Amino acid sequence: MTSRNLRLRRLSRATAALSGRSRGAPKVVALGGGMGLSASLTALRRITGDLTAVVTVADDGGSSGRLREELGVLPPGDLRKALAALCGDDEWGRTWAQVIQHRFESKGDLHEHAVGNLLIVALWEQLGDHVQALDLVGKLLGAHGRVLPMSAVPLELQALVRGHHPDRPDETVTVRGQATVALTPGEVQSVHVVPADPPAVPEAVAAVLDADWVVLGPGSWFSSVIPHLLVPELLDALVTTKARKVLSLNLAPQPGETDGFSPQRHLEVLGRHAPKLAMDVVLADEAAVPDRESLADAAQRLGAAVELAPVASPDGAPTHDPELLAAAYDRIFRMHGRIGPWR
């Protein structure tokens, strides 16, 4: 059986499994990575019990990078963070979230490895199946949702960057590796992944096709958000799904990667990488949008309306408040979707 036929068979099985899930809440798929995705998941698990995270697999730094290089596995770090975000607020959930996020401190090889990373990789090796292993970890944690990798192979993120070398500000070079792209002092022009046509995880494609709502962002724009659009099967699903789509913007530009970017420029960059992808709603914090008219124009070019809401932490830190973000998502789902029982 060819790899394509195998993926199609797995997609068929995954779609059949999804069709039997609960119809009592909106089916939501959240895409991203790192702390941005964690913020969305922490909010979304408060308003739906039918939640799937689809996580980028291009990380090459820290513990994930070391495990990836040594064992040839998918980088587990962003998957671990998503699982931790889906843990409940009860004692069980809080305890397991702390355990899997715990990092060893030593003078040996375990230094800075996260417990959750080692657990996930161990189950991958034991079971030989990425999805089955992550489902098992989620069951152990009592996670309020499912976590899936976006691709079945580890990806290398590459970016065209202008001014990466400060002494050559007009030169455009290719920068390799997610960790390097995220911290580049230059201006990122575009990103792509290697391999150029990575296989999507069938269960992730099935979840997008079966969703009521898809949430993209917030997060590191070039290294956590846009990579989902570079997996052809996943992008096709995002373009063809009947789900409505929310693009959740960051609270502030990220130093290095999007330094100096306006909210509307984030939309323009996304549109250049996926010109066929339309959105329905762009969510932004009302205090982070100095030019509402320009943002509305950029959103309209993606087919979207703008929803402004207070979603930032009240203490002034550039982080999302889970309760405020949950309220914003809930309002969007009701205003722009179906009212009353879902499906």
C-alpha atoms as a PDB file:
ATOM      1  CA  MET A   1       0.000   0.000   0.000  1.00  0.00           C
ATOM      2  CA  THR A   2       1.375   3.430  -0.964  1.00  0.00           C
ATOM      3  CA  SER A   3       1.908   6.083   1.685  1.00  0.00           C
ATOM      4  CA  ARG A   4      -0.824   8.217   0.090  1.00  0.00           C
ATOM      5  CA  ASN A   5      -3.349   5.350   0.201  1.00  0.00           C
ATOM      6  CA  LEU A   6      -2.398   4.646   3.789  1.00  0.00           C
ATOM      7  CA  ARG A   7      -3.002   8.293   4.703  1.00  0.00           C
ATOM      8  CA  LEU A   8      -6.376   8.235   2.914  1.00  0.00           C
ATOM      9  CA  ARG A   9      -7.398   5.088   4.788  1.00  0.00           C
ATOM     10  CA  ARG A  10      -6.404   6.683   8.114  1.00  0.00           C
ATOM     11  CA  LEU A  11      -8.322   9.841   7.156  1.00  0.00           C
ATOM     12  CA  SER A  12     -11.445   7.770   6.447  1.00  0.00           C
ATOM     13  CA  ARG A  13     -11.173   6.011   9.817  1.00  0.00           C
ATOM     14  CA  ALA A  14     -10.581   9.312  11.609  1.00  0.00           C
ATOM     15  CA  THR A  15     -13.623  10.954   9.984  1.00  0.00           C
ATOM     16  CA  ALA A  16     -15.813   8.010  10.951  1.00  0.00           C
ATOM     17  CA  ALA A  17     -14.613   8.238  14.548  1.00  0.00           C
ATOM     18  CA  LEU A  18     -15.276  11.978  14.713  1.00  0.00           C
ATOM     19  CA  SER A  19     -18.836  11.560  13.467  1.00  0.00           C
ATOM     20  CA  GLY A  20     -19.731   9.680  16.635  1.00  0.00           C
ATOM     21  CA  ARG A  21     -18.558  12.328  19.067  1.00  0.00           C
ATOM     22  CA  SER A  22     -20.764  14.531  21.221  1.00  0.00           C
ATOM     23  CA  ARG A  23     -23.091  16.960  19.435  1.00  0.00           C
ATOM     24  CA  GLY A  24     -23.806  19.058  22.516  1.00  0.00           C
ATOM     25  CA  ALA A  25     -21.126  21.722  21.970  1.00  0.00           C
ATOM     26  CA  PRO A  26     -19.409  23.431  19.051  1.00  0.00           C
ATOM     27  CA  LYS A  27     -16.617  21.338  17.592  1.00  0.00           C
ATOM     28  CA  VAL A  28     -13.566  23.565  17.731  1.00  0.00           C
ATOM     29  CA  VAL A  29     -10.114  22.991  16.250  1.00  0.00           C
ATOM     30  CA  ALA A  30      -7.303  25.294  17.387  1.00  0.00           C
ATOM     31  CA  LEU A  31      -4.098  25.538  15.370  1.00  0.00           C
ATOM     32  CA  GLY A  32      -0.777  26.948  16.495  1.00  0.00           C
ATOM     33  CA  GLY A  33       2.081  26.233  18.832  1.00  0.00           C
ATOM     34  CA  GLY A  34       3.852  27.416  21.944  1.00  0.00           C
ATOM     35  CA  MET A  35       2.337  29.830  24.424  1.00  0.00           C
ATOM     36  CA  GLY A  36      -0.089  31.345  21.920  1.00  0.00           C
ATOM     37  CA  LEU A  37      -1.841  28.037  21.325  1.00  0.00           C
ATOM     38  CA  SER A  38      -1.785  27.334  25.058  1.00  0.00           C
ATOM     39  CA  ALA A  39      -3.632  30.611  25.653  1.00  0.00           C
ATOM     40  CA  SER A  40      -6.331  29.673  23.151  1.00  0.00           C
ATOM     41  CA  LEU A  41      -6.735  26.160  24.542  1.00  0.00           C
ATOM     42  CA  THR A  42      -6.944  27.367  28.143  1.00  0.00           C
ATOM     43  CA  ALA A  43      -9.781  29.660  27.067  1.00  0.00           C
ATOM     44  CA  LEU A  44     -11.555  27.294  24.680  1.00  0.00           C
ATOM     45  CA  ARG A  45     -11.747  24.375  27.113  1.00  0.00           C
ATOM     46  CA  ARG A  46     -13.950  26.616  29.267  1.00  0.00           C
ATOM     47  CA  ILE A  47     -16.634  26.877  26.592  1.00  0.00           C
ATOM     48  CA  THR A  48     -16.608  23.566  24.711  1.00  0.00           C
ATOM     49  CA  GLY A  49     -16.009  19.926  25.504  1.00  0.00           C
ATOM     50  CA  ASP A  50     -15.261  19.086  21.868  1.00  0.00           C
ATOM     51  CA  LEU A  51     -11.827  20.598  21.333  1.00  0.00           C
ATOM     52  CA  THR A  52      -8.863  19.491  19.212  1.00  0.00           C
ATOM     53  CA  ALA A  53      -5.440  21.127  19.086  1.00  0.00           C
ATOM     54  CA  VAL A  54      -3.381  20.777  15.904  1.00  0.00           C
ATOM     55  CA  VAL A  55       0.204  21.611  16.762  1.00  0.00           C
ATOM     56  CA  THR A  56       3.198  22.670  14.691  1.00  0.00           C
ATOM     57  CA  VAL A  57       6.172  20.272  14.576  1.00  0.00           C
ATOM     58  CA  ALA A  58       9.056  22.483  13.452  1.00  0.00           C
ATOM     59  CA  ASP A  59      10.598  23.267  16.848  1.00  0.00           C
ATOM     60  CA  ASP A  60      14.349  22.623  16.930  1.00  0.00           C
ATOM     61  CA  GLY A  61      15.415  24.343  20.146  1.00  0.00           C
ATOM     62  CA  GLY A  62      15.861  23.315  23.766  1.00  0.00           C
ATOM     63  CA  SER A  63      14.781  19.900  24.984  1.00  0.00           C
ATOM     64  CA  SER A  64      12.669  19.283  21.872  1.00  0.00           C
ATOM     65  CA  GLY A  65      15.582  20.024  19.583  1.00  0.00           C
ATOM     66  CA  ARG A  66      17.895  17.704  21.494  1.00  0.00           C
ATOM     67  CA  LEU A  67      15.392  14.825  21.404  1.00  0.00           C
ATOM     68  CA  ARG A  68      14.681  15.460  17.755  1.00  0.00           C
ATOM     69  CA  GLU A  69      18.360  15.393  16.853  1.00  0.00           C
ATOM     70  CA  GLU A  70      19.249  12.382  19.008  1.00  0.00           C
ATOM     71  CA  LEU A  71      16.218  10.167  18.310  1.00  0.00           C
ATOM     72  CA  GLY A  72      14.820  11.485  15.030  1.00  0.00           C
ATOM     73  CA  VAL A  73      11.373  12.050  16.573  1.00  0.00           C
ATOM     74  CA  LEU A  74       8.828  14.819  16.208  1.00  0.00           C
ATOM     75  CA  PRO A  75       9.645  17.697  18.563  1.00  0.00           C
ATOM     76  CA  PRO A  76       7.384  17.059  21.566  1.00  0.00           C
ATOM     77  CA  GLY A  77       7.593  20.435  23.327  1.00  0.00           C
ATOM     78  CA  ASP A  78       4.648  22.277  21.763  1.00  0.00           C
ATOM     79  CA  LEU A  79       2.541  19.106  22.002  1.00  0.00           C
ATOM     80  CA  ARG A  80       3.368  18.934  25.709  1.00  0.00           C
ATOM     81  CA  LYS A  81       2.405  22.571  26.244  1.00  0.00           C
ATOM     82  CA  ALA A  82      -0.926  21.983  24.517  1.00  0.00           C
ATOM     83  CA  LEU A  83      -1.647  18.969  26.725  1.00  0.00           C
ATOM     84  CA  ALA A  84      -0.805  20.991  29.828  1.00  0.00           C
ATOM     85  CA  ALA A  85      -3.165  23.764  28.715  1.00  0.00           C
ATOM     86  CA  LEU A  86      -5.975  21.239  28.364  1.00  0.00           C
ATOM     87  CA  CYS A  87      -5.573  20.013  31.952  1.00  0.00           C
ATOM     88  CA  GLY A  88      -8.459  20.930  34.210  1.00  0.00           C
ATOM     89  CA  ASP A  89      -8.466  23.405  37.082  1.00  0.00           C
ATOM     90  CA  ASP A  90      -9.062  20.679  39.689  1.00  0.00           C
ATOM     91  CA  GLU A  91      -6.285  19.161  41.803  1.00  0.00           C
ATOM     92  CA  TRP A  92      -5.693  16.309  39.339  1.00  0.00           C
ATOM     93  CA  GLY A  93      -5.358  18.650  36.395  1.00  0.00           C
ATOM     94  CA  ARG A  94      -3.145  21.172  38.164  1.00  0.00           C
ATOM     95  CA  THR A  95      -0.860  18.435  39.472  1.00  0.00           C
ATOM     96  CA  TRP A  96      -0.364  16.752  36.116  1.00  0.00           C
ATOM     97  CA  ALA A  97       0.114  20.066  34.329  1.00  0.00           C
ATOM     98  CA  GLN A  98       2.948  20.864  36.742  1.00  0.00           C
ATOM     99  CA  VAL A  99       4.455  17.381  36.400  1.00  0.00           C
ATOM    100  CA  ILE A 100       4.671  17.325  32.618  1.00  0.00           C
ATOM    101  CA  GLN A 101       5.986  20.904  32.537  1.00  0.00           C
ATOM    102  CA  HIS A 102       8.666  20.141  35.151  1.00  0.00           C
ATOM    103  CA  ARG A 103      12.240  20.478  33.884  1.00  0.00           C
ATOM    104  CA  PHE A 104      15.193  18.674  35.402  1.00  0.00           C
ATOM    105  CA  GLU A 105      18.120  20.690  36.673  1.00  0.00           C
ATOM    106  CA  SER A 106      21.395  18.817  36.718  1.00  0.00           C
ATOM    107  CA  LYS A 107      24.952  18.810  35.444  1.00  0.00           C
ATOM    108  CA  GLY A 108      24.230  15.811  33.242  1.00  0.00           C
ATOM    109  CA  ASP A 109      22.305  14.889  30.127  1.00  0.00           C
ATOM    110  CA  LEU A 110      18.886  15.333  31.746  1.00  0.00           C
ATOM    111  CA  HIS A 111      19.442  19.060  32.326  1.00  0.00           C
ATOM    112  CA  GLU A 112      16.542  21.156  30.986  1.00  0.00           C
ATOM    113  CA  HIS A 113      14.634  18.143  29.651  1.00  0.00           C
ATOM    114  CA  ALA A 114      10.910  18.391  30.417  1.00  0.00           C
ATOM    115  CA  VAL A 115       9.222  15.377  31.992  1.00  0.00           C
ATOM    116  CA  GLY A 116       6.366  15.582  29.489  1.00  0.00           C
ATOM    117  CA  ASN A 117       8.745  15.513  26.540  1.00  0.00           C
ATOM    118  CA  LEU A 118      10.345  12.304  27.792  1.00  0.00           C
ATOM    119  CA  LEU A 119       6.965  10.722  28.499  1.00  0.00           C
ATOM    120  CA  ILE A 120       5.615  11.524  25.040  1.00  0.00           C
ATOM    121  CA  VAL A 121       8.724  10.248  23.253  1.00  0.00           C
ATOM    122  CA  ALA A 122       8.753   7.067  25.367  1.00  0.00           C
ATOM    123  CA  LEU A 123       5.176   6.301  24.359  1.00  0.00           C
ATOM    124  CA  TRP A 124       5.952   7.017  20.711  1.00  0.00           C
ATOM    125  CA  GLU A 125       8.719   4.440  20.874  1.00  0.00           C
ATOM    126  CA  GLN A 126       6.535   1.941  22.756  1.00  0.00           C
ATOM    127  CA  LEU A 127       3.422   2.280  20.611  1.00  0.00           C
ATOM    128  CA  GLY A 128       4.874   3.338  17.264  1.00  0.00           C
ATOM    129  CA  ASP A 129       1.936   5.679  16.694  1.00  0.00           C
ATOM    130  CA  HIS A 130       2.006   9.443  17.305  1.00  0.00           C
ATOM    131  CA  VAL A 131      -1.734   9.868  17.674  1.00  0.00           C
ATOM    132  CA  GLN A 132      -2.342   6.842  19.892  1.00  0.00           C
ATOM    133  CA  ALA A 133       0.467   7.900  22.219  1.00  0.00           C
ATOM    134  CA  LEU A 134      -0.791  11.485  22.541  1.00  0.00           C
ATOM    135  CA  ASP A 135      -4.325  10.240  23.167  1.00  0.00           C
ATOM    136  CA  LEU A 136      -2.971   8.025  25.948  1.00  0.00           C
ATOM    137  CA  VAL A 137      -1.112  10.941  27.560  1.00  0.00           C
ATOM    138  CA  GLY A 138      -4.262  13.030  27.319  1.00  0.00           C
ATOM    139  CA  LYS A 139      -6.241  10.275  29.036  1.00  0.00           C
ATOM    140  CA  LEU A 140      -3.671  10.069  31.830  1.00  0.00           C
ATOM    141  CA  LEU A 141      -3.834  13.833  32.363  1.00  0.00           C
ATOM    142  CA  GLY A 142      -7.607  14.047  32.103  1.00  0.00           C
ATOM    143  CA  ALA A 143      -7.135  16.544  29.270  1.00  0.00           C
ATOM    144  CA  HIS A 144     -10.242  18.457  28.177  1.00  0.00           C
ATOM    145  CA  GLY A 145      -9.605  17.877  24.489  1.00  0.00           C
ATOM    146  CA  ARG A 146      -7.331  16.136  22.024  1.00  0.00           C
ATOM    147  CA  VAL A 147      -3.824  17.048  20.834  1.00  0.00           C
ATOM    148  CA  LEU A 148      -2.553  16.139  17.371  1.00  0.00           C
ATOM    149  CA  PRO A 149       0.636  16.985  15.454  1.00  0.00           C
ATOM    150  CA  MET A 150      -0.004  18.790  12.173  1.00  0.00           C
ATOM    151  CA  SER A 151       2.418  16.566  10.259  1.00  0.00           C
ATOM    152  CA  ALA A 152       3.733  13.049  10.678  1.00  0.00           C
ATOM    153  CA  VAL A 153       7.349  14.089  10.070  1.00  0.00           C
ATOM    154  CA  PRO A 154       9.550  16.669  11.815  1.00  0.00           C
ATOM    155  CA  LEU A 155       9.829  19.835   9.724  1.00  0.00           C
ATOM    156  CA  GLU A 156      12.601  22.333   9.266  1.00  0.00           C
ATOM    157  CA  LEU A 157      11.406  25.908   9.091  1.00  0.00           C
ATOM    158  CA  GLN A 158      13.312  28.151   6.685  1.00  0.00           C
ATOM    159  CA  ALA A 159      12.831  31.879   6.206  1.00  0.00           C
ATOM    160  CA  LEU A 160      13.943  34.517   3.747  1.00  0.00           C
ATOM    161  CA  VAL A 161      15.202  37.316   5.990  1.00  0.00           C
ATOM    162  CA  ARG A 162      16.313  40.787   5.011  1.00  0.00           C
ATOM    163  CA  GLY A 163      19.015  42.230   7.243  1.00  0.00           C
ATOM    164  CA  HIS A 164      19.666  39.072   9.273  1.00  0.00           C
ATOM    165  CA  HIS A 165      23.286  40.206   9.505  1.00  0.00           C
ATOM    166  CA  PRO A 166      23.223  43.711  11.069  1.00  0.00           C
ATOM    167  CA  ASP A 167      26.290  44.783   9.131  1.00  0.00           C
ATOM    168  CA  ARG A 168      24.524  43.925   5.827  1.00  0.00           C
ATOM    169  CA  PRO A 169      21.030  45.422   6.293  1.00  0.00           C
ATOM    170  CA  ASP A 170      20.021  45.209   2.610  1.00  0.00           C
ATOM    171  CA  GLU A 171      21.050  41.581   2.109  1.00  0.00           C
ATOM    172  CA  THR A 172      18.397  38.824   1.994  1.00  0.00           C
ATOM    173  CA  VAL A 173      19.490  35.390   3.200  1.00  0.00           C
ATOM    174  CA  THR A 174      17.882  32.051   4.034  1.00  0.00           C
ATOM    175  CA  VAL A 175      17.712  31.404   7.776  1.00  0.00           C
ATOM    176  CA  ARG A 176      17.203  27.804   8.892  1.00  0.00           C
ATOM    177  CA  GLY A 177      15.537  26.485  12.034  1.00  0.00           C
ATOM    178  CA  GLN A 178      12.525  27.656  14.020  1.00  0.00           C
ATOM    179  CA  ALA A 179      14.586  28.835  16.972  1.00  0.00           C
ATOM    180  CA  THR A 180      16.787  30.968  14.694  1.00  0.00           C
ATOM    181  CA  VAL A 181      13.843  32.377  12.727  1.00  0.00           C
ATOM    182  CA  ALA A 182      12.039  33.359  15.927  1.00  0.00           C
ATOM    183  CA  LEU A 183      14.996  35.403  17.140  1.00  0.00           C
ATOM    184  CA  THR A 184      16.270  36.892  13.890  1.00  0.00           C
ATOM    185  CA  PRO A 185      17.143  40.588  14.141  1.00  0.00           C
ATOM    186  CA  GLY A 186      16.199  41.007  10.482  1.00  0.00           C
ATOM    187  CA  GLU A 187      12.870  41.341   8.688  1.00  0.00           C
ATOM    188  CA  VAL A 188      11.236  38.033   7.756  1.00  0.00           C
ATOM    189  CA  GLN A 189       9.970  38.164   4.174  1.00  0.00           C
ATOM    190  CA  SER A 190       8.475  34.674   3.902  1.00  0.00           C
ATOM    191  CA  VAL A 191       8.775  31.170   5.341  1.00  0.00           C
ATOM    192  CA  HIS A 192       8.643  27.647   3.976  1.00  0.00           C
ATOM    193  CA  VAL A 193       9.201  24.159   5.359  1.00  0.00           C
ATOM    194  CA  VAL A 194      11.457  21.263   4.441  1.00  0.00           C
ATOM    195  CA  PRO A 195      10.317  18.817   3.194  1.00  0.00           C
ATOM    196  CA  ALA A 196       8.222  21.042   0.950  1.00  0.00           C
ATOM    197  CA  ASP A 197       5.258  18.620   0.728  1.00  0.00           C
ATOM    198  CA  PRO A 198       5.010  17.111   4.229  1.00  0.00           C
ATOM    199  CA  PRO A 199       2.262  14.588   4.974  1.00  0.00           C
ATOM    200  CA  ALA A 200      -0.495  15.848   7.225  1.00  0.00           C
ATOM    201  CA  VAL A 201      -1.710  13.702  10.087  1.00  0.00           C
ATOM    202  CA  PRO A 202      -5.043  12.297   8.806  1.00  0.00           C
ATOM    203  CA  GLU A 203      -6.768  12.806  12.148  1.00  0.00           C
ATOM    204  CA  ALA A 204      -5.851  16.505  12.026  1.00  0.00           C
ATOM    205  CA  VAL A 205      -7.291  16.874   8.520  1.00  0.00           C
ATOM    206  CA  ALA A 206     -10.440  15.034   9.584  1.00  0.00           C
ATOM    207  CA  ALA A 207     -10.874  17.276  12.628  1.00  0.00           C
ATOM    208  CA  VAL A 208     -10.661  20.441  10.499  1.00  0.00           C
ATOM    209  CA  LEU A 209     -13.162  19.081   7.974  1.00  0.00           C
ATOM    210  CA  ASP A 210     -15.597  18.096  10.734  1.00  0.00           C
ATOM    211  CA  ALA A 211     -15.295  21.260  12.835  1.00  0.00           C
ATOM    212  CA  ASP A 212     -17.856  23.968  13.472  1.00  0.00           C
ATOM    213  CA  TRP A 213     -15.110  26.504  14.199  1.00  0.00           C
ATOM    214  CA  VAL A 214     -11.386  26.677  13.471  1.00  0.00           C
ATOM    215  CA  VAL A 215      -9.218  29.053  15.499  1.00  0.00           C
ATOM    216  CA  LEU A 216      -5.833  30.079  14.075  1.00  0.00           C
ATOM    217  CA  GLY A 217      -3.472  31.977  16.381  1.00  0.00           C
ATOM    218  CA  PRO A 218      -2.420  33.723  18.478  1.00  0.00           C
ATOM    219  CA  GLY A 219       1.266  32.849  18.545  1.00  0.00           C
ATOM    220  CA  SER A 220       4.608  33.438  16.884  1.00  0.00           C
ATOM    221  CA  TRP A 221       3.380  34.404  13.439  1.00  0.00           C
ATOM    222  CA  PHE A 222       6.077  32.955  11.204  1.00  0.00           C
ATOM    223  CA  SER A 223       7.125  30.022  13.386  1.00  0.00           C
ATOM    224  CA  SER A 224       3.858  28.825  14.967  1.00  0.00           C
ATOM    225  CA  VAL A 225       0.879  30.154  12.983  1.00  0.00           C
ATOM    226  CA  ILE A 226       1.832  30.242   9.299  1.00  0.00           C
ATOM    227  CA  PRO A 227       3.539  26.773   9.255  1.00  0.00           C
ATOM    228  CA  HIS A 228       0.078  25.155   9.341  1.00  0.00           C
ATOM    229  CA  LEU A 229      -0.590  26.730   5.954  1.00  0.00           C
ATOM    230  CA  LEU A 230       2.542  25.105   4.507  1.00  0.00           C
ATOM    231  CA  VAL A 231       1.241  21.539   4.884  1.00  0.00           C
ATOM    232  CA  PRO A 232      -0.720  21.053   1.623  1.00  0.00           C
ATOM    233  CA  GLU A 233      -3.318  18.566   2.889  1.00  0.00           C
ATOM    234  CA  LEU A 234      -3.986  20.676   5.970  1.00  0.00           C
ATOM    235  CA  LEU A 235      -4.277  23.869   3.934  1.00  0.00           C
ATOM    236  CA  ASP A 236      -6.702  22.148   1.537  1.00  0.00           C
ATOM    237  CA  ALA A 237      -8.814  21.150   4.525  1.00  0.00           C
ATOM    238  CA  LEU A 238      -8.777  24.718   5.864  1.00  0.00           C
ATOM    239  CA  VAL A 239      -9.834  26.083   2.473  1.00  0.00           C
ATOM    240  CA  THR A 240     -12.623  23.532   1.866  1.00  0.00           C
ATOM    241  CA  THR A 241     -14.045  23.004   5.366  1.00  0.00           C
ATOM    242  CA  LYS A 242     -17.515  24.304   6.102  1.00  0.00           C
ATOM    243  CA  ALA A 243     -16.291  25.426   9.515  1.00  0.00           C
ATOM    244  CA  ARG A 244     -16.146  29.119  10.265  1.00  0.00           C
ATOM    245  CA  LYS A 245     -12.670  30.449  10.960  1.00  0.00           C
ATOM    246  CA  VAL A 246     -11.324  32.875  13.538  1.00  0.00           C
ATOM    247  CA  LEU A 247      -7.915  34.479  13.239  1.00  0.00           C
ATOM    248  CA  SER A 248      -6.793  35.513  16.722  1.00  0.00           C
ATOM    249  CA  LEU A 249      -4.169  38.250  16.714  1.00  0.00           C
ATOM    250  CA  ASN A 250      -1.299  38.740  19.121  1.00  0.00           C
ATOM    251  CA  LEU A 251      -1.327  41.465  21.722  1.00  0.00           C
ATOM    252  CA  ALA A 252       1.981  42.926  20.564  1.00  0.00           C
ATOM    253  CA  PRO A 253       4.640  42.341  17.901  1.00  0.00           C
ATOM    254  CA  GLN A 254       7.181  39.663  18.783  1.00  0.00           C
ATOM    255  CA  PRO A 255      10.727  40.996  19.171  1.00  0.00           C
ATOM    256  CA  GLY A 256      12.774  39.735  16.260  1.00  0.00           C
ATOM    257  CA  GLU A 257      10.212  37.778  14.276  1.00  0.00           C
ATOM    258  CA  THR A 258       7.529  40.456  13.801  1.00  0.00           C
ATOM    259  CA  ASP A 259       9.194  43.501  15.332  1.00  0.00           C
ATOM    260  CA  GLY A 260       7.420  46.622  14.136  1.00  0.00           C
ATOM    261  CA  PHE A 261       4.478  44.765  12.572  1.00  0.00           C
ATOM    262  CA  SER A 262       1.062  46.418  12.773  1.00  0.00           C
ATOM    263  CA  PRO A 263      -2.017  44.204  13.314  1.00  0.00           C
ATOM    264  CA  GLN A 264      -2.981  44.604   9.660  1.00  0.00           C
ATOM    265  CA  ARG A 265       0.471  43.584   8.492  1.00  0.00           C
ATOM    266  CA  HIS A 266       0.022  40.246  10.259  1.00  0.00           C
ATOM    267  CA  LEU A 267      -3.054  39.693   8.079  1.00  0.00           C
ATOM    268  CA  GLU A 268      -1.246  40.727   4.906  1.00  0.00           C
ATOM    269  CA  VAL A 269       1.585  38.275   5.582  1.00  0.00           C
ATOM    270  CA  LEU A 270      -0.855  35.438   6.184  1.00  0.00           C
ATOM    271  CA  GLY A 271      -2.701  36.284   2.976  1.00  0.00           C
ATOM    272  CA  ARG A 272       0.510  36.145   0.946  1.00  0.00           C
ATOM    273  CA  HIS A 273       1.313  32.663   2.261  1.00  0.00           C
ATOM    274  CA  ALA A 274      -2.214  31.292   1.672  1.00  0.00           C
ATOM    275  CA  PRO A 275      -4.014  33.469  -0.887  1.00  0.00           C
ATOM    276  CA  LYS A 276      -6.960  31.042  -1.225  1.00  0.00           C
ATOM    277  CA  LEU A 277      -7.673  30.928   2.505  1.00  0.00           C
ATOM    278  CA  ALA A 278     -10.594  33.050   3.685  1.00  0.00           C
ATOM    279  CA  MET A 279     -11.384  33.870   7.304  1.00  0.00           C
ATOM    280  CA  ASP A 280     -14.687  34.794   8.912  1.00  0.00           C
ATOM    281  CA  VAL A 281     -13.617  36.738  11.989  1.00  0.00           C
ATOM    282  CA  VAL A 282     -10.428  38.514  13.073  1.00  0.00           C
ATOM    283  CA  LEU A 283     -10.228  38.844  16.851  1.00  0.00           C
ATOM    284  CA  ALA A 284      -7.996  41.551  18.326  1.00  0.00           C
ATOM    285  CA  ASP A 285      -7.596  43.242  21.666  1.00  0.00           C
ATOM    286  CA  GLU A 286      -9.176  46.651  21.422  1.00  0.00           C
ATOM    287  CA  ALA A 287      -6.194  48.351  23.071  1.00  0.00           C
ATOM    288  CA  ALA A 288      -3.729  46.794  20.595  1.00  0.00           C
ATOM    289  CA  VAL A 289      -5.278  48.300  17.455  1.00  0.00           C
ATOM    290  CA  PRO A 290      -4.248  51.921  16.880  1.00  0.00           C
ATOM    291  CA  ASP A 291      -5.689  52.046  13.347  1.00  0.00           C
ATOM    292  CA  ARG A 292      -9.035  50.278  13.273  1.00  0.00           C
ATOM    293  CA  GLU A 293      -9.888  51.321   9.739  1.00  0.00           C
ATOM    294  CA  SER A 294      -6.693  49.812   8.274  1.00  0.00           C
ATOM    295  CA  LEU A 295      -7.264  46.582  10.190  1.00  0.00           C
ATOM    296  CA  ALA A 296     -10.847  46.406   8.939  1.00  0.00           C
ATOM    297  CA  ASP A 297      -9.636  46.867   5.346  1.00  0.00           C
ATOM    298  CA  ALA A 298      -7.029  44.120   5.723  1.00  0.00           C
ATOM    299  CA  ALA A 299      -9.594  41.792   7.312  1.00  0.00           C
ATOM    300  CA  GLN A 300     -12.069  42.456   4.526  1.00  0.00           C
ATOM    301  CA  ARG A 301      -9.491  41.296   1.979  1.00  0.00           C
ATOM    302  CA  LEU A 302      -9.520  37.953   3.825  1.00  0.00           C
ATOM    303  CA  GLY A 303     -13.317  37.934   3.827  1.00  0.00           C
ATOM    304  CA  ALA A 304     -13.478  38.590   7.571  1.00  0.00           C
ATOM    305  CA  ALA A 305     -15.149  40.932  10.017  1.00  0.00           C
ATOM    306  CA  VAL A 306     -13.178  42.409  12.906  1.00  0.00           C
ATOM    307  CA  GLU A 307     -14.183  41.764  16.500  1.00  0.00           C
ATOM    308  CA  LEU A 308     -12.464  43.921  19.113  1.00  0.00           C
ATOM    309  CA  ALA A 309     -12.587  42.793  22.718  1.00  0.00           C
ATOM    310  CA  PRO A 310     -10.583  43.240  25.933  1.00  0.00           C
ATOM    311  CA  VAL A 311      -8.650  39.963  26.037  1.00  0.00           C
ATOM    312  CA  ALA A 312      -5.334  41.042  27.586  1.00  0.00           C
ATOM    313  CA  SER A 313      -4.354  40.357  31.178  1.00  0.00           C
ATOM    314  CA  PRO A 314      -5.502  43.214  33.431  1.00  0.00           C
ATOM    315  CA  ASP A 315      -2.000  43.516  34.922  1.00  0.00           C
ATOM    316  CA  GLY A 316      -0.691  44.965  31.659  1.00  0.00           C
ATOM    317  CA  ALA A 317       1.464  41.973  30.695  1.00  0.00           C
ATOM    318  CA  PRO A 318       1.328  41.060  26.963  1.00  0.00           C
ATOM    319  CA  THR A 319      -0.507  37.814  27.733  1.00  0.00           C
ATOM    320  CA  HIS A 320      -4.105  36.786  27.163  1.00  0.00           C
ATOM    321  CA  ASP A 321      -6.452  36.486  30.117  1.00  0.00           C
ATOM    322  CA  PRO A 322      -8.124  33.032  29.908  1.00  0.00           C
ATOM    323  CA  GLU A 323     -11.532  34.199  31.135  1.00  0.00           C
ATOM    324  CA  LEU A 324     -11.641  37.278  28.912  1.00  0.00           C
ATOM    325  CA  LEU A 325     -10.455  35.318  25.875  1.00  0.00           C
ATOM    326  CA  ALA A 326     -13.027  32.599  26.579  1.00  0.00           C
ATOM    327  CA  ALA A 327     -15.771  35.229  26.742  1.00  0.00           C
ATOM    328  CA  ALA A 328     -14.627  36.705  23.413  1.00  0.00           C
ATOM    329  CA  TYR A 329     -14.602  33.318  21.683  1.00  0.00           C
ATOM    330  CA  ASP A 330     -17.997  32.420  23.128  1.00  0.00           C
ATOM    331  CA  ARG A 331     -19.494  35.685  21.910  1.00  0.00           C
ATOM    332  CA  ILE A 332     -18.013  35.198  18.431  1.00  0.00           C
ATOM    333  CA  PHE A 333     -19.285  31.628  18.185  1.00  0.00           C
ATOM    334  CA  ARG A 334     -22.802  32.777  19.093  1.00  0.00           C
ATOM    335  CA  MET A 335     -22.867  35.975  17.035  1.00  0.00           C
ATOM    336  CA  HIS A 336     -21.303  34.574  13.887  1.00  0.00           C
ATOM    337  CA  GLY A 337     -22.425  30.968  14.113  1.00  0.00           C
ATOM    338  CA  ARG A 338     -25.439  28.987  15.160  1.00  0.00           C
ATOM    339  CA  ILE A 339     -27.454  29.979  18.209  1.00  0.00           C
ATOM    340  CA  GLY A 340     -28.760  27.266  20.485  1.00  0.00           C
ATOM    341  CA  PRO A 341     -27.915  23.535  20.353  1.00  0.00           C
ATOM    342  CA  TRP A 342     -25.022  22.742  18.033  1.00  0.00           C
ATOM    343  CA  ARG A 343     -25.875  20.397  15.196  1.00  0.00           C
END
